[in-house]
Structures are given as structure tokens and as C-alpha cells.
Amino acid sequence: MIVCVCRRLNSAKVSAAISGGARTPACVLAHHGERFNCGRCRETIADMIGDNRPATETEQPVLAAAE
């Protein structure tokens, strides 16, 4: 499946970047020497990163300043 039409990245290339340690959509593109063009693929890549997150990684709580 094509994930990023602008940069011709398919799901195999995105998965390879994630396996290589990419933890953000920008890092996935950087892994392949690319940068975002239109950005429509960001959400799909982020979902793929979330789906491939190891069970040992835990979400860090978001801390917000009190008003």
C-alpha cells in the first residue's frame, strides 16, 4: 500500500523505518532521506507507529500547568 504519494513511500518502507527506530512521522521520512511535502500521510504514519509500538513502551503522562 502506498502511504506517501509525494515521496513514494509504501507501507514496507514505513515499517522498515519504524523497525529501525523511527518514533515520529518526520523520523520515518528522514530515515529515507525525505521531508514532508503536503503532509497528508502524517496521520497514517503516526497510526502505523502506534500499531507497531512494543508492549514494553509505556505512554508517558502528559503534564499540564495549572491555571
N, C-alpha and C. Protein backbone atom coordinates (compact mmCIF):
# COMPACT_ATOMS: atom_id res chain seq x y z
N MET A 1 0.84 -1.17 0.00
CA MET A 1 0.00 0.00 0.00
C MET A 1 0.89 1.25 0.00
N ILE A 2 0.55 2.22 -0.80
CA ILE A 2 1.27 3.48 -0.83
C ILE A 2 0.80 4.32 0.36
N VAL A 3 1.73 4.79 1.15
CA VAL A 3 1.41 5.61 2.32
C VAL A 3 1.64 7.08 2.00
N CYS A 4 2.75 7.39 1.35
CA CYS A 4 3.09 8.77 0.99
C CYS A 4 3.26 8.85 -0.52
N VAL A 5 2.27 9.43 -1.17
CA VAL A 5 2.30 9.56 -2.62
C VAL A 5 3.41 10.53 -3.05
N CYS A 6 3.56 11.63 -2.32
CA CYS A 6 4.55 12.64 -2.69
C CYS A 6 5.97 12.08 -2.72
N ARG A 7 6.28 11.23 -1.75
CA ARG A 7 7.65 10.71 -1.61
C ARG A 7 7.77 9.24 -2.00
N ARG A 8 6.68 8.67 -2.52
CA ARG A 8 6.65 7.28 -2.99
C ARG A 8 7.10 6.30 -1.90
N LEU A 9 6.53 6.46 -0.72
CA LEU A 9 6.84 5.53 0.37
C LEU A 9 5.66 4.59 0.55
N ASN A 10 5.95 3.30 0.50
CA ASN A 10 4.90 2.31 0.72
C ASN A 10 4.95 1.83 2.17
N SER A 11 4.01 0.97 2.52
CA SER A 11 3.92 0.51 3.90
C SER A 11 5.16 -0.29 4.31
N ALA A 12 5.79 -0.99 3.38
CA ALA A 12 7.01 -1.75 3.71
C ALA A 12 8.14 -0.80 4.09
N LYS A 13 8.28 0.30 3.37
CA LYS A 13 9.34 1.27 3.69
C LYS A 13 9.06 1.96 5.02
N VAL A 14 7.80 2.28 5.28
CA VAL A 14 7.44 2.90 6.56
C VAL A 14 7.72 1.92 7.70
N SER A 15 7.33 0.67 7.52
CA SER A 15 7.58 -0.35 8.55
C SER A 15 9.07 -0.55 8.79
N ALA A 16 9.86 -0.50 7.73
CA ALA A 16 11.32 -0.64 7.88
C ALA A 16 11.89 0.50 8.71
N ALA A 17 11.39 1.71 8.47
CA ALA A 17 11.87 2.86 9.25
C ALA A 17 11.47 2.73 10.72
N ILE A 18 10.25 2.26 10.96
CA ILE A 18 9.79 2.07 12.34
C ILE A 18 10.63 1.00 13.03
N SER A 19 10.90 -0.08 12.33
CA SER A 19 11.75 -1.14 12.88
C SER A 19 13.16 -0.63 13.14
N GLY A 20 13.58 0.36 12.36
CA GLY A 20 14.90 0.95 12.52
C GLY A 20 14.97 1.98 13.62
N GLY A 21 13.85 2.25 14.30
CA GLY A 21 13.86 3.15 15.45
C GLY A 21 13.11 4.45 15.27
N ALA A 22 12.51 4.69 14.11
CA ALA A 22 11.75 5.93 13.91
C ALA A 22 10.53 5.93 14.81
N ARG A 23 10.33 7.01 15.57
CA ARG A 23 9.22 7.09 16.51
C ARG A 23 8.27 8.24 16.21
N THR A 24 8.53 9.00 15.15
CA THR A 24 7.64 10.08 14.72
C THR A 24 7.51 10.00 13.20
N PRO A 25 6.43 10.57 12.65
CA PRO A 25 6.31 10.58 11.19
C PRO A 25 7.49 11.28 10.50
N ALA A 26 7.97 12.37 11.08
CA ALA A 26 9.11 13.07 10.48
C ALA A 26 10.36 12.18 10.47
N CYS A 27 10.55 11.39 11.52
CA CYS A 27 11.69 10.48 11.59
C CYS A 27 11.58 9.37 10.55
N VAL A 28 10.35 8.94 10.25
CA VAL A 28 10.15 7.91 9.22
C VAL A 28 10.62 8.45 7.88
N LEU A 29 10.23 9.67 7.54
CA LEU A 29 10.66 10.23 6.26
C LEU A 29 12.16 10.50 6.26
N ALA A 30 12.69 11.00 7.38
CA ALA A 30 14.13 11.27 7.47
C ALA A 30 14.94 9.98 7.30
N HIS A 31 14.40 8.87 7.77
CA HIS A 31 15.06 7.57 7.62
C HIS A 31 15.33 7.28 6.15
N HIS A 32 14.46 7.76 5.29
CA HIS A 32 14.60 7.54 3.85
C HIS A 32 15.15 8.77 3.13
N GLY A 33 15.65 9.75 3.89
CA GLY A 33 16.24 10.94 3.30
C GLY A 33 15.23 11.88 2.68
N GLU A 34 14.02 11.88 3.21
CA GLU A 34 12.94 12.70 2.67
C GLU A 34 12.39 13.63 3.73
N ARG A 35 11.60 14.62 3.28
CA ARG A 35 10.87 15.53 4.16
C ARG A 35 9.42 15.58 3.67
N PHE A 36 8.52 16.07 4.52
CA PHE A 36 7.12 16.16 4.14
C PHE A 36 6.94 17.17 3.02
N ASN A 37 6.01 16.86 2.14
CA ASN A 37 5.60 17.80 1.11
C ASN A 37 4.22 18.33 1.48
N CYS A 38 3.18 17.54 1.25
CA CYS A 38 1.82 18.00 1.57
C CYS A 38 1.40 17.64 2.99
N GLY A 39 1.97 16.57 3.56
CA GLY A 39 1.67 16.18 4.93
C GLY A 39 0.45 15.30 5.13
N ARG A 40 -0.22 14.91 4.06
CA ARG A 40 -1.42 14.09 4.20
C ARG A 40 -1.12 12.71 4.77
N CYS A 41 0.10 12.27 4.70
CA CYS A 41 0.46 10.94 5.18
C CYS A 41 0.80 10.92 6.67
N ARG A 42 0.92 12.06 7.30
CA ARG A 42 1.34 12.13 8.71
C ARG A 42 0.48 11.25 9.62
N GLU A 43 -0.83 11.36 9.49
CA GLU A 43 -1.72 10.62 10.37
C GLU A 43 -1.60 9.11 10.15
N THR A 44 -1.49 8.69 8.90
CA THR A 44 -1.34 7.27 8.59
C THR A 44 -0.04 6.73 9.16
N ILE A 45 1.03 7.48 9.00
CA ILE A 45 2.33 7.06 9.53
C ILE A 45 2.28 7.01 11.06
N ALA A 46 1.66 8.00 11.67
CA ALA A 46 1.54 8.02 13.14
C ALA A 46 0.75 6.81 13.62
N ASP A 47 -0.31 6.45 12.90
CA ASP A 47 -1.08 5.26 13.27
C ASP A 47 -0.24 4.01 13.15
N MET A 48 0.58 3.93 12.10
CA MET A 48 1.44 2.75 11.91
C MET A 48 2.47 2.67 13.03
N ILE A 49 2.99 3.81 13.46
CA ILE A 49 3.95 3.83 14.57
C ILE A 49 3.26 3.33 15.84
N GLY A 50 2.06 3.81 16.10
CA GLY A 50 1.30 3.38 17.28
C GLY A 50 0.99 1.90 17.25
N ASP A 51 0.67 1.38 16.08
CA ASP A 51 0.35 -0.05 15.94
C ASP A 51 1.58 -0.92 16.15
N ASN A 52 2.76 -0.38 15.89
CA ASN A 52 4.00 -1.16 16.00
C ASN A 52 4.77 -0.88 17.27
N ARG A 53 4.20 -0.10 18.18
CA ARG A 53 4.88 0.22 19.43
C ARG A 53 5.01 -1.04 20.27
N PRO A 54 6.22 -1.36 20.72
CA PRO A 54 6.40 -2.55 21.57
C PRO A 54 5.60 -2.43 22.87
N ALA A 55 5.16 -3.55 23.37
CA ALA A 55 4.36 -3.57 24.59
C ALA A 55 5.13 -3.05 25.79
N THR A 56 6.46 -3.07 25.73
CA THR A 56 7.27 -2.60 26.85
C THR A 56 7.32 -1.09 26.92
N GLU A 57 7.00 -0.41 25.81
CA GLU A 57 6.98 1.05 25.83
C GLU A 57 5.68 1.51 26.45
N THR A 58 5.78 2.37 27.42
CA THR A 58 4.56 2.87 28.06
C THR A 58 4.40 4.33 27.70
N GLU A 59 3.17 4.75 27.68
CA GLU A 59 2.86 6.15 27.41
C GLU A 59 3.28 6.98 28.62
N GLN A 60 3.94 8.08 28.37
CA GLN A 60 4.28 9.00 29.43
C GLN A 60 3.08 9.92 29.66
N PRO A 61 2.70 10.15 30.89
CA PRO A 61 1.55 11.04 31.13
C PRO A 61 1.87 12.46 30.66
N VAL A 62 0.85 13.11 30.15
CA VAL A 62 1.00 14.48 29.70
C VAL A 62 0.81 15.37 30.91
N LEU A 63 1.80 16.21 31.17
CA LEU A 63 1.71 17.11 32.32
C LEU A 63 1.30 18.47 31.82
N ALA A 64 0.31 19.05 32.45
CA ALA A 64 -0.17 20.37 32.07
C ALA A 64 -0.05 21.32 33.27
N ALA A 65 0.32 22.52 33.00
CA ALA A 65 0.45 23.52 34.07
C ALA A 65 -0.93 23.93 34.55
N ALA A 66 -1.06 24.12 35.83
CA ALA A 66 -2.34 24.58 36.39
C ALA A 66 -2.51 26.04 36.06
N GLU A 67 -3.76 26.41 35.83
CA GLU A 67 -4.03 27.83 35.52
C GLU A 67 -4.04 28.66 36.77
